[in-house]
């Protein structure tokens, strides 16, 4: 498993912590760069959706997937058909 795959796996496993860190970074950026709050919020939201299952700091309605997530049971977008690896041992 390459470095990028390991990082991607860690991001997905700890999505809640990553989202909290992105929130804190966004708040710090707002104090340093005045007048760009909306752009900073948009960037933080986009990053939170790119890591794991979306923004875990906001409650999700029951039964709904975050925007941009694949349907349940679908292969990840970076996977090629027939090349799925077995899950890592726990």
C-alpha atoms as a PDB file:
ATOM      1  CA  UNK A   1       0.000   0.000   0.000  1.00  0.00           C
ATOM      2  CA  UNK A   2       1.442   3.328  -1.036  1.00  0.00           C
ATOM      3  CA  UNK A   3       1.687   6.462   1.044  1.00  0.00           C
ATOM      4  CA  UNK A   4      -1.313   8.138  -0.594  1.00  0.00           C
ATOM      5  CA  UNK A   5      -3.519   5.113   0.054  1.00  0.00           C
ATOM      6  CA  UNK A   6      -2.477   5.088   3.713  1.00  0.00           C
ATOM      7  CA  UNK A   7      -3.198   8.802   4.055  1.00  0.00           C
ATOM      8  CA  UNK A   8      -6.578   8.429   2.333  1.00  0.00           C
ATOM      9  CA  UNK A   9      -7.476   5.557   4.677  1.00  0.00           C
ATOM     10  CA  UNK A  10      -6.475   7.567   7.756  1.00  0.00           C
ATOM     11  CA  UNK A  11      -8.524  10.550   6.573  1.00  0.00           C
ATOM     12  CA  UNK A  12     -11.581   8.349   6.187  1.00  0.00           C
ATOM     13  CA  UNK A  13     -11.077   6.594   9.530  1.00  0.00           C
ATOM     14  CA  UNK A  14     -10.717   9.862  11.441  1.00  0.00           C
ATOM     15  CA  UNK A  15     -13.072  12.063   9.436  1.00  0.00           C
ATOM     16  CA  UNK A  16     -14.619  13.635  12.527  1.00  0.00           C
ATOM     17  CA  UNK A  17     -11.232  14.779  13.837  1.00  0.00           C
ATOM     18  CA  UNK A  18     -10.185  16.083  10.410  1.00  0.00           C
ATOM     19  CA  UNK A  19     -13.425  18.079  10.153  1.00  0.00           C
ATOM     20  CA  UNK A  20     -12.886  19.581  13.605  1.00  0.00           C
ATOM     21  CA  UNK A  21      -9.343  20.567  12.644  1.00  0.00           C
ATOM     22  CA  UNK A  22     -10.563  22.158   9.420  1.00  0.00           C
ATOM     23  CA  UNK A  23     -13.149  24.159  11.409  1.00  0.00           C
ATOM     24  CA  UNK A  24     -10.420  25.435  13.741  1.00  0.00           C
ATOM     25  CA  UNK A  25      -8.144  26.299  10.813  1.00  0.00           C
ATOM     26  CA  UNK A  26     -11.000  28.167   9.135  1.00  0.00           C
ATOM     27  CA  UNK A  27     -11.696  30.181  12.280  1.00  0.00           C
ATOM     28  CA  UNK A  28      -8.008  31.075  12.582  1.00  0.00           C
ATOM     29  CA  UNK A  29      -7.897  32.096   8.917  1.00  0.00           C
ATOM     30  CA  UNK A  30     -10.884  34.388   9.482  1.00  0.00           C
ATOM     31  CA  UNK A  31      -8.970  36.230  12.233  1.00  0.00           C
ATOM     32  CA  UNK A  32      -5.913  36.643   9.998  1.00  0.00           C
ATOM     33  CA  UNK A  33      -7.702  37.572   6.752  1.00  0.00           C
ATOM     34  CA  UNK A  34     -10.509  40.028   7.426  1.00  0.00           C
ATOM     35  CA  UNK A  35     -13.412  40.358   4.999  1.00  0.00           C
ATOM     36  CA  UNK A  36     -13.166  36.918   3.366  1.00  0.00           C
ATOM     37  CA  UNK A  37     -15.318  34.916   5.778  1.00  0.00           C
ATOM     38  CA  UNK A  38     -17.643  33.575   3.080  1.00  0.00           C
ATOM     39  CA  UNK A  39     -14.774  32.307   0.898  1.00  0.00           C
ATOM     40  CA  UNK A  40     -13.071  30.687   3.886  1.00  0.00           C
ATOM     41  CA  UNK A  41     -16.325  28.970   4.902  1.00  0.00           C
ATOM     42  CA  UNK A  42     -16.792  27.684   1.340  1.00  0.00           C
ATOM     43  CA  UNK A  43     -13.237  26.318   1.264  1.00  0.00           C
ATOM     44  CA  UNK A  44     -13.653  24.600   4.643  1.00  0.00           C
ATOM     45  CA  UNK A  45     -16.973  23.067   3.548  1.00  0.00           C
ATOM     46  CA  UNK A  46     -15.437  21.777   0.309  1.00  0.00           C
ATOM     47  CA  UNK A  47     -12.473  20.231   2.160  1.00  0.00           C
ATOM     48  CA  UNK A  48     -14.756  18.609   4.723  1.00  0.00           C
ATOM     49  CA  UNK A  49     -16.791  17.021   1.931  1.00  0.00           C
ATOM     50  CA  UNK A  50     -13.597  15.726   0.292  1.00  0.00           C
ATOM     51  CA  UNK A  51     -12.470  13.918   3.443  1.00  0.00           C
ATOM     52  CA  UNK A  52     -14.409  10.893   4.582  1.00  0.00           C
ATOM     53  CA  UNK A  53     -18.196  10.929   4.401  1.00  0.00           C
ATOM     54  CA  UNK A  54     -18.700  14.683   4.282  1.00  0.00           C
ATOM     55  CA  UNK A  55     -18.943  17.267   7.016  1.00  0.00           C
ATOM     56  CA  UNK A  56     -19.301  15.298  10.244  1.00  0.00           C
ATOM     57  CA  UNK A  57     -19.583  18.457  12.354  1.00  0.00           C
ATOM     58  CA  UNK A  58     -23.141  19.051  11.079  1.00  0.00           C
ATOM     59  CA  UNK A  59     -25.949  16.619  11.904  1.00  0.00           C
ATOM     60  CA  UNK A  60     -27.123  14.574   8.914  1.00  0.00           C
ATOM     61  CA  UNK A  61     -30.802  13.825   8.350  1.00  0.00           C
ATOM     62  CA  UNK A  62     -31.537  10.114   8.853  1.00  0.00           C
ATOM     63  CA  UNK A  63     -31.201   8.013   5.714  1.00  0.00           C
ATOM     64  CA  UNK A  64     -29.471  10.694   3.640  1.00  0.00           C
ATOM     65  CA  UNK A  65     -25.991  10.474   2.163  1.00  0.00           C
ATOM     66  CA  UNK A  66     -23.806  13.574   1.998  1.00  0.00           C
ATOM     67  CA  UNK A  67     -23.665  15.275  -1.401  1.00  0.00           C
ATOM     68  CA  UNK A  68     -21.147  13.723  -3.766  1.00  0.00           C
ATOM     69  CA  UNK A  69     -20.898  10.422  -1.921  1.00  0.00           C
ATOM     70  CA  UNK A  70     -21.316   7.233  -3.935  1.00  0.00           C
ATOM     71  CA  UNK A  71     -24.432   5.138  -3.384  1.00  0.00           C
ATOM     72  CA  UNK A  72     -24.092   2.548  -0.660  1.00  0.00           C
ATOM     73  CA  UNK A  73     -22.341  -0.562  -1.992  1.00  0.00           C
ATOM     74  CA  UNK A  74     -20.817   1.276  -4.961  1.00  0.00           C
ATOM     75  CA  UNK A  75     -17.101   1.077  -5.681  1.00  0.00           C
ATOM     76  CA  UNK A  76     -15.049   4.171  -4.760  1.00  0.00           C
ATOM     77  CA  UNK A  77     -14.554   6.544  -7.705  1.00  0.00           C
ATOM     78  CA  UNK A  78     -10.792   5.855  -7.859  1.00  0.00           C
ATOM     79  CA  UNK A  79     -11.269   2.068  -8.005  1.00  0.00           C
ATOM     80  CA  UNK A  80     -11.188   0.267 -11.311  1.00  0.00           C
ATOM     81  CA  UNK A  81     -13.599  -2.602 -11.851  1.00  0.00           C
ATOM     82  CA  UNK A  82     -12.202  -5.947 -10.728  1.00  0.00           C
ATOM     83  CA  UNK A  83      -9.231  -4.445  -8.881  1.00  0.00           C
ATOM     84  CA  UNK A  84     -10.683  -4.123  -5.413  1.00  0.00           C
ATOM     85  CA  UNK A  85      -8.338  -5.072  -2.605  1.00  0.00           C
ATOM     86  CA  UNK A  86      -9.579  -6.952   0.427  1.00  0.00           C
ATOM     87  CA  UNK A  87     -10.056  -4.808   3.526  1.00  0.00           C
ATOM     88  CA  UNK A  88      -6.976  -4.474   5.769  1.00  0.00           C
ATOM     89  CA  UNK A  89      -6.836  -6.820   8.764  1.00  0.00           C
ATOM     90  CA  UNK A  90      -7.931  -5.311  12.056  1.00  0.00           C
END
